[in-house]
Amino acid sequence: MTIKTAVTVGLAGNELSKKIVGTSEVSAGRTVVATGSGAALGAVSVGTIVIGAGIVGVATTPVTIPLCVGGAIIGGIASLFD
């Protein structure tokens, strides 16, 4: 995981939270959505979410957890300052 990737994923999670919630106002609800979105995008960006034959699974790699956590933290923090 690089810091640049974590920041990119976190900021994308913040932007996604604006679309999901429908507003760019700072709120606890949007922070929760931004944090979750950052973590989910972190998992997807390293290819850890595997979908096949109607089954969703997770393929673990050493990068998964740090990138998910980094994306979640950056997304949460970014949502507080928009």
C-alpha atoms as a PDB file:
ATOM      1  CA  MET A   1       0.000   0.000   0.000  1.00  0.00           C
ATOM      2  CA  THR A   2       1.210   3.454  -0.781  1.00  0.00           C
ATOM      3  CA  ILE A   3      -0.002   6.582   0.944  1.00  0.00           C
ATOM      4  CA  LYS A   4      -0.910   8.034  -2.446  1.00  0.00           C
ATOM      5  CA  THR A   5      -3.225   5.081  -3.137  1.00  0.00           C
ATOM      6  CA  ALA A   6      -4.860   5.327   0.295  1.00  0.00           C
ATOM      7  CA  VAL A   7      -5.490   9.053  -0.179  1.00  0.00           C
ATOM      8  CA  THR A   8      -6.931   8.503  -3.659  1.00  0.00           C
ATOM      9  CA  VAL A   9      -9.215   5.730  -2.417  1.00  0.00           C
ATOM     10  CA  GLY A  10     -10.314   7.762   0.610  1.00  0.00           C
ATOM     11  CA  LEU A  11     -11.130  10.844  -1.441  1.00  0.00           C
ATOM     12  CA  ALA A  12     -13.069   8.699  -3.899  1.00  0.00           C
ATOM     13  CA  GLY A  13     -15.004   7.257  -0.939  1.00  0.00           C
ATOM     14  CA  ASN A  14     -15.820  10.784   0.186  1.00  0.00           C
ATOM     15  CA  GLU A  15     -17.101  11.724  -3.273  1.00  0.00           C
ATOM     16  CA  LEU A  16     -19.133   8.516  -3.420  1.00  0.00           C
ATOM     17  CA  SER A  17     -20.696   9.336  -0.048  1.00  0.00           C
ATOM     18  CA  LYS A  18     -21.937  12.660  -1.444  1.00  0.00           C
ATOM     19  CA  LYS A  19     -23.751  10.809  -4.214  1.00  0.00           C
ATOM     20  CA  ILE A  20     -25.173   8.154  -1.884  1.00  0.00           C
ATOM     21  CA  VAL A  21     -26.415  10.610   0.750  1.00  0.00           C
ATOM     22  CA  GLY A  22     -27.454  13.227  -1.815  1.00  0.00           C
ATOM     23  CA  THR A  23     -25.767  16.170  -0.114  1.00  0.00           C
ATOM     24  CA  SER A  24     -22.287  17.492   0.496  1.00  0.00           C
ATOM     25  CA  GLU A  25     -23.119  18.878   3.944  1.00  0.00           C
ATOM     26  CA  VAL A  26     -21.046  17.664   6.857  1.00  0.00           C
ATOM     27  CA  SER A  27     -22.952  15.177   9.007  1.00  0.00           C
ATOM     28  CA  ALA A  28     -22.300  12.100  11.089  1.00  0.00           C
ATOM     29  CA  GLY A  29     -24.298   9.991   8.636  1.00  0.00           C
ATOM     30  CA  ARG A  30     -22.243  11.091   5.653  1.00  0.00           C
ATOM     31  CA  THR A  31     -19.029  10.457   7.599  1.00  0.00           C
ATOM     32  CA  VAL A  32     -20.154   6.888   8.270  1.00  0.00           C
ATOM     33  CA  VAL A  33     -20.983   6.399   4.587  1.00  0.00           C
ATOM     34  CA  ALA A  34     -17.657   7.960   3.509  1.00  0.00           C
ATOM     35  CA  THR A  35     -15.736   5.711   5.890  1.00  0.00           C
ATOM     36  CA  GLY A  36     -17.507   2.600   4.631  1.00  0.00           C
ATOM     37  CA  SER A  37     -17.121   3.673   1.017  1.00  0.00           C
ATOM     38  CA  GLY A  38     -13.397   4.298   1.491  1.00  0.00           C
ATOM     39  CA  ALA A  39     -12.947   0.847   3.008  1.00  0.00           C
ATOM     40  CA  ALA A  40     -14.977  -0.825   0.262  1.00  0.00           C
ATOM     41  CA  LEU A  41     -13.098   0.985  -2.487  1.00  0.00           C
ATOM     42  CA  GLY A  42      -9.826  -0.002  -0.819  1.00  0.00           C
ATOM     43  CA  ALA A  43     -10.848  -3.652  -1.003  1.00  0.00           C
ATOM     44  CA  VAL A  44     -11.949  -3.338  -4.624  1.00  0.00           C
ATOM     45  CA  SER A  45      -8.846  -1.417  -5.716  1.00  0.00           C
ATOM     46  CA  VAL A  46      -6.509  -4.253  -4.781  1.00  0.00           C
ATOM     47  CA  GLY A  47      -8.770  -6.832  -6.360  1.00  0.00           C
ATOM     48  CA  THR A  48      -9.784  -8.540  -3.148  1.00  0.00           C
ATOM     49  CA  ILE A  49     -13.505  -8.720  -3.853  1.00  0.00           C
ATOM     50  CA  VAL A  50     -14.188 -11.787  -5.974  1.00  0.00           C
ATOM     51  CA  ILE A  51     -17.585 -12.299  -7.608  1.00  0.00           C
ATOM     52  CA  GLY A  52     -18.243 -15.480  -9.502  1.00  0.00           C
ATOM     53  CA  ALA A  53     -21.092 -17.944 -10.022  1.00  0.00           C
ATOM     54  CA  GLY A  54     -23.372 -15.857  -7.817  1.00  0.00           C
ATOM     55  CA  ILE A  55     -20.983 -16.091  -4.867  1.00  0.00           C
ATOM     56  CA  VAL A  56     -19.216 -13.090  -3.419  1.00  0.00           C
ATOM     57  CA  GLY A  57     -15.974 -13.800  -1.616  1.00  0.00           C
ATOM     58  CA  VAL A  58     -12.800 -12.115  -0.504  1.00  0.00           C
ATOM     59  CA  ALA A  59      -9.338 -13.097  -1.666  1.00  0.00           C
ATOM     60  CA  THR A  60      -6.881 -11.971   0.978  1.00  0.00           C
ATOM     61  CA  THR A  61      -3.617 -10.255   0.140  1.00  0.00           C
ATOM     62  CA  PRO A  62      -1.126  -8.536   2.450  1.00  0.00           C
ATOM     63  CA  VAL A  63      -2.200  -5.150   1.070  1.00  0.00           C
ATOM     64  CA  THR A  64      -5.923  -5.540   1.771  1.00  0.00           C
ATOM     65  CA  ILE A  65      -6.200  -4.517   5.412  1.00  0.00           C
ATOM     66  CA  PRO A  66      -3.876  -1.484   5.328  1.00  0.00           C
ATOM     67  CA  LEU A  67      -5.509  -0.113   2.190  1.00  0.00           C
ATOM     68  CA  CYS A  68      -9.025  -0.664   3.536  1.00  0.00           C
ATOM     69  CA  VAL A  69      -8.136   1.035   6.816  1.00  0.00           C
ATOM     70  CA  GLY A  70      -6.261   3.857   5.092  1.00  0.00           C
ATOM     71  CA  GLY A  71      -9.107   4.467   2.654  1.00  0.00           C
ATOM     72  CA  ALA A  72     -11.644   4.436   5.485  1.00  0.00           C
ATOM     73  CA  ILE A  73      -9.674   6.912   7.591  1.00  0.00           C
ATOM     74  CA  ILE A  74      -9.025   9.325   4.719  1.00  0.00           C
ATOM     75  CA  GLY A  75     -12.660   9.103   3.564  1.00  0.00           C
ATOM     76  CA  GLY A  76     -13.942   9.802   7.062  1.00  0.00           C
ATOM     77  CA  ILE A  77     -11.619  12.746   7.615  1.00  0.00           C
ATOM     78  CA  ALA A  78     -12.324  14.210   4.162  1.00  0.00           C
ATOM     79  CA  SER A  79     -16.072  14.102   4.823  1.00  0.00           C
ATOM     80  CA  LEU A  80     -15.612  16.367   7.843  1.00  0.00           C
ATOM     81  CA  PHE A  81     -14.069  19.195   5.831  1.00  0.00           C
ATOM     82  CA  ASP A  82     -16.265  19.486   2.739  1.00  0.00           C
END
